[in-house]
N, C-alpha and C. Protein backbone atom coordinates (compact mmCIF):
# COMPACT_ATOMS: atom_id res chain seq x y z
N MET A 1 101.25 116.07 99.29
CA MET A 1 100.17 115.50 99.48
C MET A 1 99.11 115.89 99.78
N THR A 2 98.11 115.95 99.26
CA THR A 2 97.09 116.27 99.67
C THR A 2 95.83 114.80 99.76
N ARG A 3 95.19 115.64 100.91
CA ARG A 3 93.96 114.52 101.06
C ARG A 3 93.61 113.90 99.66
N ASP A 4 93.07 114.85 99.08
CA ASP A 4 92.25 114.51 97.40
C ASP A 4 93.37 113.14 96.67
N GLU A 5 94.55 113.90 97.03
CA GLU A 5 95.55 112.66 96.05
C GLU A 5 95.37 111.64 97.05
N ILE A 6 95.38 111.39 98.36
CA ILE A 6 95.38 110.11 99.14
C ILE A 6 94.21 109.26 98.93
N ILE A 7 93.32 109.93 98.75
CA ILE A 7 91.83 109.56 98.70
C ILE A 7 92.06 108.56 97.16
N ARG A 8 92.55 109.60 96.35
CA ARG A 8 92.42 108.78 94.83
C ARG A 8 93.40 107.90 94.82
N SER A 9 94.75 107.48 95.48
CA SER A 9 95.63 106.68 95.43
C SER A 9 95.13 105.91 95.82
N VAL A 10 94.48 105.43 96.94
CA VAL A 10 94.29 104.29 97.95
C VAL A 10 92.82 103.68 97.13
N SER A 11 92.25 105.45 96.37
CA SER A 11 90.92 104.09 96.19
C SER A 11 91.92 103.13 95.04
N GLU A 12 92.18 103.71 93.69
CA GLU A 12 92.94 103.25 93.03
C GLU A 12 93.52 101.79 92.99
N LYS A 13 94.02 101.74 94.33
CA LYS A 13 94.77 100.64 94.67
C LYS A 13 93.78 99.29 95.49
N LEU A 14 92.63 99.78 96.05
CA LEU A 14 91.81 98.95 97.15
C LEU A 14 91.89 97.46 96.62
N ARG A 15 92.04 97.55 95.50
CA ARG A 15 91.69 95.92 95.00
C ARG A 15 92.78 95.05 95.30
N LEU A 16 93.99 96.35 94.92
CA LEU A 16 95.60 95.37 94.99
C LEU A 16 95.72 95.13 96.75
N ILE A 17 95.32 96.17 97.72
CA ILE A 17 95.36 95.90 98.91
C ILE A 17 94.85 94.84 99.28
N ARG A 18 93.49 95.16 98.97
CA ARG A 18 92.43 93.87 99.05
C ARG A 18 93.26 91.99 99.12
N THR A 19 93.18 91.92 97.88
CA THR A 19 93.89 90.91 96.99
C THR A 19 95.29 90.46 97.65
N GLU A 20 96.08 91.29 97.88
CA GLU A 20 97.57 91.18 98.92
C GLU A 20 97.36 90.96 100.18
N ALA A 21 96.27 90.76 100.49
CA ALA A 21 95.79 90.04 102.31
C ALA A 21 95.53 89.37 102.12
N GLY A 22 94.52 88.58 101.07
CA GLY A 22 93.93 87.51 100.92
C GLY A 22 92.41 87.73 100.88
N TYR A 23 92.11 88.63 101.43
CA TYR A 23 90.33 88.75 101.47
C TYR A 23 89.10 89.02 100.28
N THR A 24 88.20 88.55 99.90
CA THR A 24 87.42 88.45 99.38
C THR A 24 86.44 89.72 99.70
N GLN A 25 86.08 90.40 98.80
CA GLN A 25 84.94 91.45 98.92
C GLN A 25 84.16 91.87 99.98
N ASP A 26 83.63 90.75 100.29
CA ASP A 26 82.12 90.56 101.59
C ASP A 26 83.25 90.91 102.57
N LYS A 27 84.43 90.12 102.88
CA LYS A 27 85.06 89.90 104.16
C LYS A 27 85.99 91.93 104.05
N MET A 28 86.05 92.09 103.07
CA MET A 28 87.08 93.20 103.17
C MET A 28 86.15 94.74 103.13
N ALA A 29 84.63 94.25 102.64
CA ALA A 29 83.96 95.59 103.10
C ALA A 29 83.55 95.70 104.16
N ASP A 30 83.46 93.97 105.04
CA ASP A 30 83.21 94.29 106.54
C ASP A 30 84.00 94.94 107.62
N ILE A 31 85.23 94.28 106.78
CA ILE A 31 86.85 94.85 107.84
C ILE A 31 86.53 96.56 107.84
N ILE A 32 86.53 96.85 106.75
CA ILE A 32 86.78 98.81 106.36
C ILE A 32 85.46 99.50 106.48
N GLY A 33 84.21 98.10 106.78
CA GLY A 33 83.26 99.50 106.80
C GLY A 33 82.22 100.18 106.29
N VAL A 34 81.95 99.40 105.10
CA VAL A 34 81.12 99.74 103.85
C VAL A 34 80.93 98.43 103.56
N SER A 35 79.67 98.84 102.83
CA SER A 35 79.18 97.52 101.91
C SER A 35 79.63 97.06 100.71
N LYS A 36 79.25 95.97 100.58
CA LYS A 36 80.19 95.21 99.63
C LYS A 36 79.92 95.96 97.92
N LYS A 37 78.61 96.65 97.98
CA LYS A 37 78.32 97.48 96.63
C LYS A 37 79.57 98.31 96.52
N THR A 38 79.44 98.82 97.75
CA THR A 38 80.50 100.59 97.40
C THR A 38 82.11 100.35 97.43
N LEU A 39 82.44 99.08 98.05
CA LEU A 39 83.76 98.38 97.83
C LEU A 39 83.95 98.46 96.23
N VAL A 40 82.80 97.65 96.10
CA VAL A 40 82.93 97.01 94.50
C VAL A 40 82.87 98.20 93.16
N GLN A 41 82.01 99.28 93.71
CA GLN A 41 82.29 100.77 93.00
C GLN A 41 83.70 101.48 92.86
N ILE A 42 83.81 101.22 94.10
CA ILE A 42 85.65 101.99 94.31
C ILE A 42 86.84 101.05 93.43
N GLU A 43 86.32 99.84 94.09
CA GLU A 43 87.43 99.39 92.96
C GLU A 43 87.31 98.98 91.31
N LYS A 44 86.24 99.50 90.93
CA LYS A 44 86.06 99.64 89.92
C LYS A 44 86.37 101.32 89.03
N GLY A 45 86.44 101.45 89.97
CA GLY A 45 86.86 102.75 89.66
C GLY A 45 85.49 104.00 89.79
N ARG A 46 84.63 103.51 89.98
CA ARG A 46 83.28 104.75 89.73
C ARG A 46 83.19 105.35 90.82
N LEU A 47 83.89 104.72 92.39
CA LEU A 47 83.49 105.51 93.18
C LEU A 47 84.84 105.89 93.83
N LEU A 48 84.98 106.98 94.76
CA LEU A 48 86.42 106.90 95.80
C LEU A 48 85.75 106.97 97.00
N ALA A 49 86.32 105.90 97.31
CA ALA A 49 86.48 105.94 98.76
C ALA A 49 86.60 107.39 99.74
N ASN A 50 85.97 107.27 100.52
CA ASN A 50 85.42 108.99 101.44
C ASN A 50 86.92 109.00 102.57
N TRP A 51 87.52 109.46 103.12
CA TRP A 51 88.42 110.14 103.77
C TRP A 51 88.49 108.98 105.26
N SER A 52 87.51 108.86 105.23
CA SER A 52 87.61 107.94 106.95
C SER A 52 87.79 106.67 106.37
N THR A 53 87.14 106.28 105.25
CA THR A 53 86.94 104.63 104.64
C THR A 53 88.95 104.48 104.35
N VAL A 54 89.75 105.65 103.90
CA VAL A 54 90.98 105.47 103.32
C VAL A 54 91.87 105.54 104.69
N VAL A 55 91.26 106.45 105.72
CA VAL A 55 92.45 106.37 107.11
C VAL A 55 92.27 104.83 107.46
N SER A 56 90.98 104.08 107.42
CA SER A 56 90.95 102.83 108.34
C SER A 56 91.51 101.47 107.42
N ILE A 57 91.53 101.99 106.19
CA ILE A 57 92.68 101.11 104.89
C ILE A 57 93.57 101.10 105.55
N CYS A 58 94.45 102.92 105.05
CA CYS A 58 95.65 102.88 105.80
C CYS A 58 96.10 102.26 107.44
N ALA A 59 94.87 102.03 108.41
CA ALA A 59 96.02 101.62 109.51
C ALA A 59 95.50 100.52 109.53
N LEU A 60 94.65 99.54 108.62
CA LEU A 60 94.44 98.30 109.03
C LEU A 60 95.03 97.48 107.88
N PHE A 61 95.65 98.14 107.18
CA PHE A 61 96.93 97.62 106.63
C PHE A 61 97.82 98.13 105.85
N ARG A 62 98.33 98.63 106.65
CA ARG A 62 99.52 100.06 106.89
C ARG A 62 100.91 98.55 106.70
N GLU A 63 100.96 97.67 106.98
CA GLU A 63 102.26 96.50 106.62
C GLU A 63 101.93 96.12 105.41
N THR A 64 101.24 96.04 104.28
CA THR A 64 100.95 95.42 103.36
C THR A 64 102.15 96.16 101.90
N GLU A 65 102.68 95.50 101.50
CA GLU A 65 103.52 96.32 100.13
C GLU A 65 102.87 97.38 99.75
N THR A 66 101.90 97.35 99.35
CA THR A 66 101.28 98.04 98.41
C THR A 66 100.64 99.63 98.99
N VAL A 67 100.18 99.14 100.80
CA VAL A 67 100.12 101.03 101.20
C VAL A 67 101.19 101.55 101.72
N GLN A 68 102.46 100.10 101.74
CA GLN A 68 104.27 100.99 101.75
C GLN A 68 104.59 101.55 101.16
N PHE A 69 103.85 101.26 99.65
CA PHE A 69 104.81 101.38 98.50
C PHE A 69 104.14 102.53 98.03
N LEU A 70 102.78 103.37 98.70
CA LEU A 70 101.91 104.75 98.35
C LEU A 70 102.26 105.19 99.17
N PHE A 71 103.22 105.19 100.78
CA PHE A 71 103.02 105.92 101.63
C PHE A 71 104.84 105.96 102.22
N GLY A 72 105.27 104.65 101.86
CA GLY A 72 106.69 104.34 102.59
C GLY A 72 106.37 103.80 103.96
N ASN A 73 107.55 103.83 104.96
CA ASN A 73 106.73 103.04 105.93
C ASN A 73 106.53 103.43 107.43
N GLU A 74 105.86 104.44 106.78
CA GLU A 74 104.93 105.45 107.96
C GLU A 74 103.70 105.58 107.34
N PRO A 75 102.58 104.98 106.66
CA PRO A 75 101.78 105.48 106.41
C PRO A 75 100.35 106.59 107.23
N LEU A 76 100.40 106.00 108.54
CA LEU A 76 99.62 106.97 109.70
C LEU A 76 100.18 107.99 109.28
N GLU A 77 101.70 108.25 109.59
CA GLU A 77 102.05 109.87 110.28
C GLU A 77 101.68 110.46 108.78
N VAL A 78 101.95 110.00 107.97
CA VAL A 78 101.27 111.03 106.20
C VAL A 78 99.64 111.51 106.34
N LEU A 79 98.84 110.33 106.95
CA LEU A 79 97.46 110.88 106.98
C LEU A 79 97.49 111.85 108.34
N GLU A 80 98.18 111.24 109.26
CA GLU A 80 98.14 112.33 110.65
C GLU A 80 98.57 113.69 109.82
N THR A 81 99.63 114.10 109.31
CA THR A 81 100.00 115.02 108.85
C THR A 81 98.90 115.99 107.67
N VAL A 82 98.47 115.65 106.97
CA VAL A 82 97.32 115.68 106.11
C VAL A 82 96.64 116.32 107.09
N ALA A 83 95.98 115.42 107.69
CA ALA A 83 94.88 115.61 108.72
C ALA A 83 94.84 117.04 109.33
N ARG A 84 95.99 116.81 110.25
CA ARG A 84 96.22 117.93 111.39
C ARG A 84 96.85 119.33 110.34
N GLU A 85 97.17 119.37 109.05
CA GLU A 85 98.04 119.97 108.42
C GLU A 85 99.16 120.67 109.45
N GLY A 86 99.93 119.33 108.93
CA GLY A 86 101.50 119.49 109.97
C GLY A 86 101.04 119.01 111.39
N ILE A 87 102.21 118.52 111.96
CA ILE A 87 102.50 117.97 113.24
C ILE A 87 103.24 119.24 114.21
N ASP A 88 103.26 119.37 114.94
CA ASP A 88 104.40 120.07 115.57
C ASP A 88 104.32 119.62 117.37
N VAL A 89 105.51 119.12 118.04
CA VAL A 89 105.30 118.81 119.38
C VAL A 89 104.42 117.72 120.09
N ARG A 90 104.56 116.86 118.74
CA ARG A 90 103.86 115.53 119.25
C ARG A 90 104.42 114.55 119.27
N LYS A 91 105.41 114.21 120.32
CA LYS A 91 106.55 113.14 119.76
C LYS A 91 105.80 111.44 119.71
N THR A 92 106.28 111.03 118.61
CA THR A 92 106.10 109.67 118.53
C THR A 92 107.47 108.67 118.26
N LYS A 93 107.60 107.38 118.35
CA LYS A 93 108.95 106.74 118.07
C LYS A 93 108.65 106.34 117.12
N THR A 94 110.23 106.43 116.31
CA THR A 94 110.28 105.77 115.28
C THR A 94 111.46 104.74 114.75
N LEU A 95 111.60 104.73 113.98
CA LEU A 95 112.57 103.67 113.51
C LEU A 95 113.74 104.31 113.32
N GLY A 96 114.15 105.57 112.92
CA GLY A 96 114.91 106.66 112.61
C GLY A 96 115.13 106.98 111.49
N GLY A 97 113.96 106.64 110.58
CA GLY A 97 113.90 106.76 108.89
C GLY A 97 115.25 106.15 108.11
N ARG A 98 115.59 104.96 108.09
CA ARG A 98 116.95 104.07 107.78
C ARG A 98 116.28 103.62 106.06
N ILE A 99 115.27 103.72 106.15
CA ILE A 99 114.18 103.39 104.94
C ILE A 99 113.42 104.55 104.59
N TRP A 100 113.30 104.54 103.60
CA TRP A 100 112.18 105.80 102.46
C TRP A 100 112.54 106.97 103.14
N TRP A 101 113.48 107.08 103.92
CA TRP A 101 113.93 108.69 104.17
C TRP A 101 115.20 109.31 103.50
N ARG A 102 115.24 110.43 103.42
CA ARG A 102 116.62 111.02 103.18
C ARG A 102 116.65 112.28 104.06
N VAL A 103 118.03 112.40 104.91
CA VAL A 103 118.11 113.30 105.45
C VAL A 103 118.38 114.56 104.85
N ILE A 104 117.83 115.62 105.11
CA ILE A 104 118.20 117.06 104.51
C ILE A 104 119.23 117.69 105.65
N GLN A 105 119.17 117.50 106.58
CA GLN A 105 120.23 118.23 107.74
C GLN A 105 120.02 117.62 108.85
N ARG A 106 121.20 117.30 109.98
CA ARG A 106 121.54 117.09 111.36
C ARG A 106 122.40 118.23 111.95
N LYS A 107 122.00 118.47 112.76
CA LYS A 107 122.55 119.39 113.90
C LYS A 107 122.21 118.89 115.66
N LYS A 108 122.96 119.23 116.13
CA LYS A 108 122.84 119.39 117.55
C LYS A 108 121.89 118.06 117.92
N GLY A 109 121.77 116.66 117.46
CA GLY A 109 121.18 115.72 118.03
C GLY A 109 119.54 115.61 117.30
N PHE A 110 119.60 116.85 116.02
CA PHE A 110 118.11 116.75 115.34
C PHE A 110 118.26 116.49 114.09
N ILE A 111 117.12 115.72 113.15
CA ILE A 111 117.85 115.15 112.03
C ILE A 111 116.22 116.04 111.58
N LEU A 112 116.33 116.65 110.24
CA LEU A 112 115.22 116.64 109.25
C LEU A 112 115.74 115.66 107.97
N GLN A 113 114.19 115.04 107.78
CA GLN A 113 114.02 114.20 106.70
C GLN A 113 113.42 114.82 105.89
N GLN A 114 113.49 114.48 105.03
CA GLN A 114 112.07 113.85 103.78
C GLN A 114 111.80 112.32 103.42
N ASN A 115 110.50 112.05 103.02
CA ASN A 115 110.08 111.10 102.75
C ASN A 115 110.12 110.95 101.73
N VAL A 116 110.87 109.75 101.00
CA VAL A 116 111.40 109.67 99.22
C VAL A 116 109.95 109.57 98.83
N LEU A 117 108.94 108.94 99.22
CA LEU A 117 107.35 108.54 98.24
C LEU A 117 106.34 109.85 98.82
N SER A 118 106.20 110.13 99.70
CA SER A 118 104.80 111.09 99.99
C SER A 118 105.76 112.36 99.93
N LYS A 119 106.71 112.64 100.43
CA LYS A 119 107.37 114.01 99.93
C LYS A 119 107.16 114.92 101.37
N HIS A 120 106.98 114.39 102.44
CA HIS A 120 106.57 114.94 103.63
C HIS A 120 108.00 115.29 104.33
N TYR A 121 108.27 116.46 104.96
CA TYR A 121 108.98 116.56 106.28
C TYR A 121 108.89 115.84 107.59
N ARG A 122 109.95 116.12 108.55
CA ARG A 122 109.52 115.09 109.57
C ARG A 122 110.90 115.73 110.58
N ILE A 123 110.82 116.29 111.47
CA ILE A 123 112.36 116.54 112.55
C ILE A 123 112.25 115.63 113.89
N LEU A 124 113.27 114.69 113.93
CA LEU A 124 113.52 113.47 114.83
C LEU A 124 114.41 114.26 115.62
N ASP A 125 114.18 113.92 117.16
CA ASP A 125 115.05 114.15 118.12
C ASP A 125 116.24 113.30 118.52
N GLU A 126 117.13 113.41 119.24
CA GLU A 126 118.37 112.49 119.19
C GLU A 126 118.24 110.73 119.87
N ARG A 127 116.57 110.64 119.96
CA ARG A 127 116.21 109.34 120.44
C ARG A 127 115.16 108.88 119.29
N ASN A 128 115.07 109.47 118.05
CA ASN A 128 114.77 108.96 116.95
C ASN A 128 112.99 109.09 117.15
N TYR A 129 112.69 110.26 118.20
CA TYR A 129 110.88 110.89 118.15
C TYR A 129 111.01 111.84 116.97
N ARG A 130 109.35 111.11 116.60
CA ARG A 130 109.31 112.38 115.85
C ARG A 130 109.33 113.34 116.52
N ILE A 131 109.09 114.94 116.63
CA ILE A 131 108.42 116.07 116.78
C ILE A 131 107.99 117.48 116.27
N PHE A 132 107.84 116.86 114.81
CA PHE A 132 107.43 117.63 113.95
C PHE A 132 107.03 117.48 112.80
N SER A 133 106.45 117.35 111.63
CA SER A 133 106.16 116.87 110.38
C SER A 133 104.98 117.54 109.53
N SER A 134 105.15 117.88 108.52
CA SER A 134 104.58 118.88 107.70
C SER A 134 104.94 118.28 106.09
N PHE A 135 104.36 118.75 104.98
CA PHE A 135 104.42 118.77 103.62
C PHE A 135 105.00 119.94 103.22
N ASP A 136 104.88 120.88 104.11
CA ASP A 136 105.32 122.53 104.04
C ASP A 136 107.71 122.29 103.59
N GLU A 137 107.79 122.71 102.71
CA GLU A 137 109.06 122.67 103.12
C GLU A 137 109.88 123.39 104.21
N LYS A 138 109.14 124.49 103.93
CA LYS A 138 109.49 126.27 104.11
C LYS A 138 109.92 126.25 105.60
N LEU A 139 108.73 125.91 106.10
CA LEU A 139 108.47 125.22 107.53
C LEU A 139 109.21 124.81 108.31
N SER A 140 109.49 123.77 107.66
CA SER A 140 109.85 122.07 108.25
C SER A 140 111.36 122.77 108.19
N LYS A 141 112.33 123.30 107.43
CA LYS A 141 112.96 124.10 107.57
C LYS A 141 113.35 124.78 108.54
N HIS A 142 111.98 125.83 108.80
CA HIS A 142 112.43 126.80 109.52
C HIS A 142 112.00 126.47 111.29
N ARG A 143 111.07 125.31 111.43
CA ARG A 143 111.37 125.06 112.82
C ARG A 143 112.46 124.31 113.12
N PHE A 144 113.12 123.46 112.04
CA PHE A 144 114.65 122.71 112.15
C PHE A 144 115.75 124.10 112.62
N LYS A 145 115.59 124.83 111.96
CA LYS A 145 116.24 126.25 112.57
C LYS A 145 116.08 126.51 113.73
N GLU A 146 115.18 126.68 114.02
CA GLU A 146 114.48 127.31 115.72
C GLU A 146 114.83 126.25 116.79
N LEU A 147 114.92 125.06 116.71
CA LEU A 147 115.31 123.83 117.71
C LEU A 147 116.82 123.89 117.20
N THR A 148 117.32 123.94 116.24
CA THR A 148 119.20 124.03 116.51
C THR A 148 119.65 125.30 116.87
N THR A 149 118.66 126.49 116.97
CA THR A 149 119.74 127.77 117.22
C THR A 149 119.60 127.53 118.42
N GLU A 150 120.78 128.59 119.12
CA GLU A 150 121.10 128.44 120.65
C GLU A 150 120.50 130.05 121.14
N VAL A 151 119.48 129.92 122.43
CA VAL A 151 118.79 130.75 122.49
C VAL A 151 119.64 132.19 123.45
């Protein structure tokens, strides 16, 4: 998933996100920090939201079914992975990936998973802390091997 794909997906679903949250256009525009005119243009497909607006929408409405459907249960992790071009050694507590995640490998307390919706990879430690995240499969498998190989 790329930044442009995320922008397009969220822009296309903005009306649905707003409706699901129960907000008027005026209130939604105020919440996400755009003018009502801009919001209407995005909802009508005449304009794409910018990256900052998309990040705001995903952060503030991450628990809506629409955002969950776009990114799984970790929309902020997807955004952070894209924005930082991968994450390494930045521990964040997770729920362990029981939903939305496919286990690729388990070894020595580490788990390599792939999100079934966004397709990004992450490595969790034995306490379900995310210690690595990337959209690059080869890099993710290499990092997993590094973590699980005895020195």
